[in-house]
C-alpha atoms as a PDB file:
ATOM      1  CA  UNK A   1      31.753  17.644  37.431  1.00  0.00           C
ATOM      2  CA  UNK A   2      29.791  15.219  35.297  1.00  0.00           C
ATOM      3  CA  UNK A   3      31.279  13.391  32.358  1.00  0.00           C
ATOM      4  CA  UNK A   4      29.713  13.197  28.917  1.00  0.00           C
ATOM      5  CA  UNK A   5      28.350   9.704  29.528  1.00  0.00           C
ATOM      6  CA  UNK A   6      26.835  10.673  32.885  1.00  0.00           C
ATOM      7  CA  UNK A   7      25.197  13.727  31.344  1.00  0.00           C
ATOM      8  CA  UNK A   8      23.900  11.632  28.445  1.00  0.00           C
ATOM      9  CA  UNK A   9      22.326   9.120  30.831  1.00  0.00           C
ATOM     10  CA  UNK A  10      20.796  11.950  32.857  1.00  0.00           C
ATOM     11  CA  UNK A  11      19.279  13.565  29.744  1.00  0.00           C
ATOM     12  CA  UNK A  12      17.975  10.203  28.521  1.00  0.00           C
ATOM     13  CA  UNK A  13      16.368   9.577  31.911  1.00  0.00           C
ATOM     14  CA  UNK A  14      14.735  13.014  31.800  1.00  0.00           C
ATOM     15  CA  UNK A  15      13.414  12.444  28.273  1.00  0.00           C
ATOM     16  CA  UNK A  16      11.991   9.074  29.292  1.00  0.00           C
ATOM     17  CA  UNK A  17      10.355  10.550  32.385  1.00  0.00           C
ATOM     18  CA  UNK A  18       8.530  13.220  30.371  1.00  0.00           C
ATOM     19  CA  UNK A  19       7.294  10.646  27.864  1.00  0.00           C
ATOM     20  CA  UNK A  20       9.778  11.048  25.007  1.00  0.00           C
ATOM     21  CA  UNK A  21      11.371   7.588  24.800  1.00  0.00           C
ATOM     22  CA  UNK A  22      12.002   7.708  21.045  1.00  0.00           C
ATOM     23  CA  UNK A  23      13.898  10.962  21.434  1.00  0.00           C
ATOM     24  CA  UNK A  24      16.005   9.413  24.201  1.00  0.00           C
ATOM     25  CA  UNK A  25      16.861   6.436  21.985  1.00  0.00           C
ATOM     26  CA  UNK A  26      17.754   8.696  19.064  1.00  0.00           C
ATOM     27  CA  UNK A  27      19.968  10.858  21.296  1.00  0.00           C
ATOM     28  CA  UNK A  28      21.838   7.767  22.457  1.00  0.00           C
ATOM     29  CA  UNK A  29      22.217   6.574  18.863  1.00  0.00           C
ATOM     30  CA  UNK A  30      23.457   9.980  17.696  1.00  0.00           C
ATOM     31  CA  UNK A  31      25.864  10.404  20.608  1.00  0.00           C
ATOM     32  CA  UNK A  32      27.543   7.111  19.758  1.00  0.00           C
ATOM     33  CA  UNK A  33      27.708   7.782  15.998  1.00  0.00           C
ATOM     34  CA  UNK A  34      30.890   9.072  14.373  1.00  0.00           C
ATOM     35  CA  UNK A  35      28.964  12.001  12.833  1.00  0.00           C
ATOM     36  CA  UNK A  36      27.949  13.423  16.215  1.00  0.00           C
ATOM     37  CA  UNK A  37      30.846  15.875  16.529  1.00  0.00           C
ATOM     38  CA  UNK A  38      30.425  17.207  13.002  1.00  0.00           C
ATOM     39  CA  UNK A  39      26.645  17.654  13.095  1.00  0.00           C
ATOM     40  CA  UNK A  40      25.140  21.113  12.948  1.00  0.00           C
ATOM     41  CA  UNK A  41      23.113  21.977  16.068  1.00  0.00           C
ATOM     42  CA  UNK A  42      19.880  22.299  14.104  1.00  0.00           C
ATOM     43  CA  UNK A  43      20.527  18.975  12.347  1.00  0.00           C
ATOM     44  CA  UNK A  44      21.043  17.370  15.735  1.00  0.00           C
ATOM     45  CA  UNK A  45      17.779  18.756  17.110  1.00  0.00           C
ATOM     46  CA  UNK A  46      15.893  17.870  13.940  1.00  0.00           C
ATOM     47  CA  UNK A  47      17.222  14.322  13.910  1.00  0.00           C
ATOM     48  CA  UNK A  48      16.310  13.852  17.570  1.00  0.00           C
ATOM     49  CA  UNK A  49      12.773  15.208  17.124  1.00  0.00           C
ATOM     50  CA  UNK A  50      11.909  13.332  13.932  1.00  0.00           C
ATOM     51  CA  UNK A  51      11.038   9.866  15.344  1.00  0.00           C
ATOM     52  CA  UNK A  52       9.017  11.331  18.216  1.00  0.00           C
ATOM     53  CA  UNK A  53       7.154  13.689  15.881  1.00  0.00           C
ATOM     54  CA  UNK A  54       6.333  10.938  13.377  1.00  0.00           C
ATOM     55  CA  UNK A  55       5.079   8.679  16.171  1.00  0.00           C
ATOM     56  CA  UNK A  56       2.835  11.368  17.699  1.00  0.00           C
ATOM     57  CA  UNK A  57       1.386  12.411  14.313  1.00  0.00           C
ATOM     58  CA  UNK A  58       0.762   8.794  13.317  1.00  0.00           C
ATOM     59  CA  UNK A  59      -1.080   8.117  16.585  1.00  0.00           C
ATOM     60  CA  UNK A  60      -3.116  11.302  16.182  1.00  0.00           C
ATOM     61  CA  UNK A  61      -4.160  10.404  12.622  1.00  0.00           C
ATOM     62  CA  UNK A  62      -5.046   6.832  13.587  1.00  0.00           C
ATOM     63  CA  UNK A  63      -7.137   8.079  16.516  1.00  0.00           C
ATOM     64  CA  UNK A  64      -9.000  10.502  14.257  1.00  0.00           C
ATOM     65  CA  UNK A  65      -9.619   7.775  11.686  1.00  0.00           C
ATOM     66  CA  UNK A  66     -10.875   5.455  14.422  1.00  0.00           C
ATOM     67  CA  UNK A  67     -13.140   8.190  15.829  1.00  0.00           C
ATOM     68  CA  UNK A  68     -14.557   8.819  12.339  1.00  0.00           C
ATOM     69  CA  UNK A  69     -15.148   5.059  12.008  1.00  0.00           C
ATOM     70  CA  UNK A  70     -12.793   4.906   9.018  1.00  0.00           C
ATOM     71  CA  UNK A  71     -10.431   2.416  10.625  1.00  0.00           C
ATOM     72  CA  UNK A  72     -11.166  -0.800  12.456  1.00  0.00           C
ATOM     73  CA  UNK A  73     -14.544  -1.303  10.800  1.00  0.00           C
ATOM     74  CA  UNK A  74     -15.724  -3.691   8.063  1.00  0.00           C
ATOM     75  CA  UNK A  75     -15.248  -0.867   5.543  1.00  0.00           C
ATOM     76  CA  UNK A  76     -11.761  -0.020   6.787  1.00  0.00           C
ATOM     77  CA  UNK A  77     -10.153   2.759   4.740  1.00  0.00           C
ATOM     78  CA  UNK A  78      -6.853   0.865   4.731  1.00  0.00           C
ATOM     79  CA  UNK A  79      -8.527  -1.867   2.676  1.00  0.00           C
ATOM     80  CA  UNK A  80      -9.484   0.534  -0.145  1.00  0.00           C
ATOM     81  CA  UNK A  81      -7.198   0.025  -3.137  1.00  0.00           C
ATOM     82  CA  UNK A  82      -5.191   3.049  -4.195  1.00  0.00           C
ATOM     83  CA  UNK A  83      -6.801   5.209  -6.846  1.00  0.00           C
ATOM     84  CA  UNK A  84      -4.981   4.920 -10.165  1.00  0.00           C
ATOM     85  CA  UNK A  85      -4.561   8.492 -11.410  1.00  0.00           C
ATOM     86  CA  UNK A  86      -3.151   7.346 -14.762  1.00  0.00           C
ATOM     87  CA  UNK A  87      -6.478   5.757 -15.686  1.00  0.00           C
ATOM     88  CA  UNK A  88      -8.346   9.077 -15.528  1.00  0.00           C
END
């Protein structure tokens, strides 16, 4: 029978092997936090997914901006000052 720590390491290894390293790190962080035992199951899943989701979406947006030549060019969109809506 496996212990909690052995199972945690096994799950982390599986997450890393399928390309979800941020989820593995968050699982480890959550497991060692004092709130782990009191967390709702959906909160636990949501908290584990959040960093991986944000990373994937950020990469996807950056790739689309790069493909549209809106990033990494002399007229980089990140260099455009924010539009002041109060001035309109």
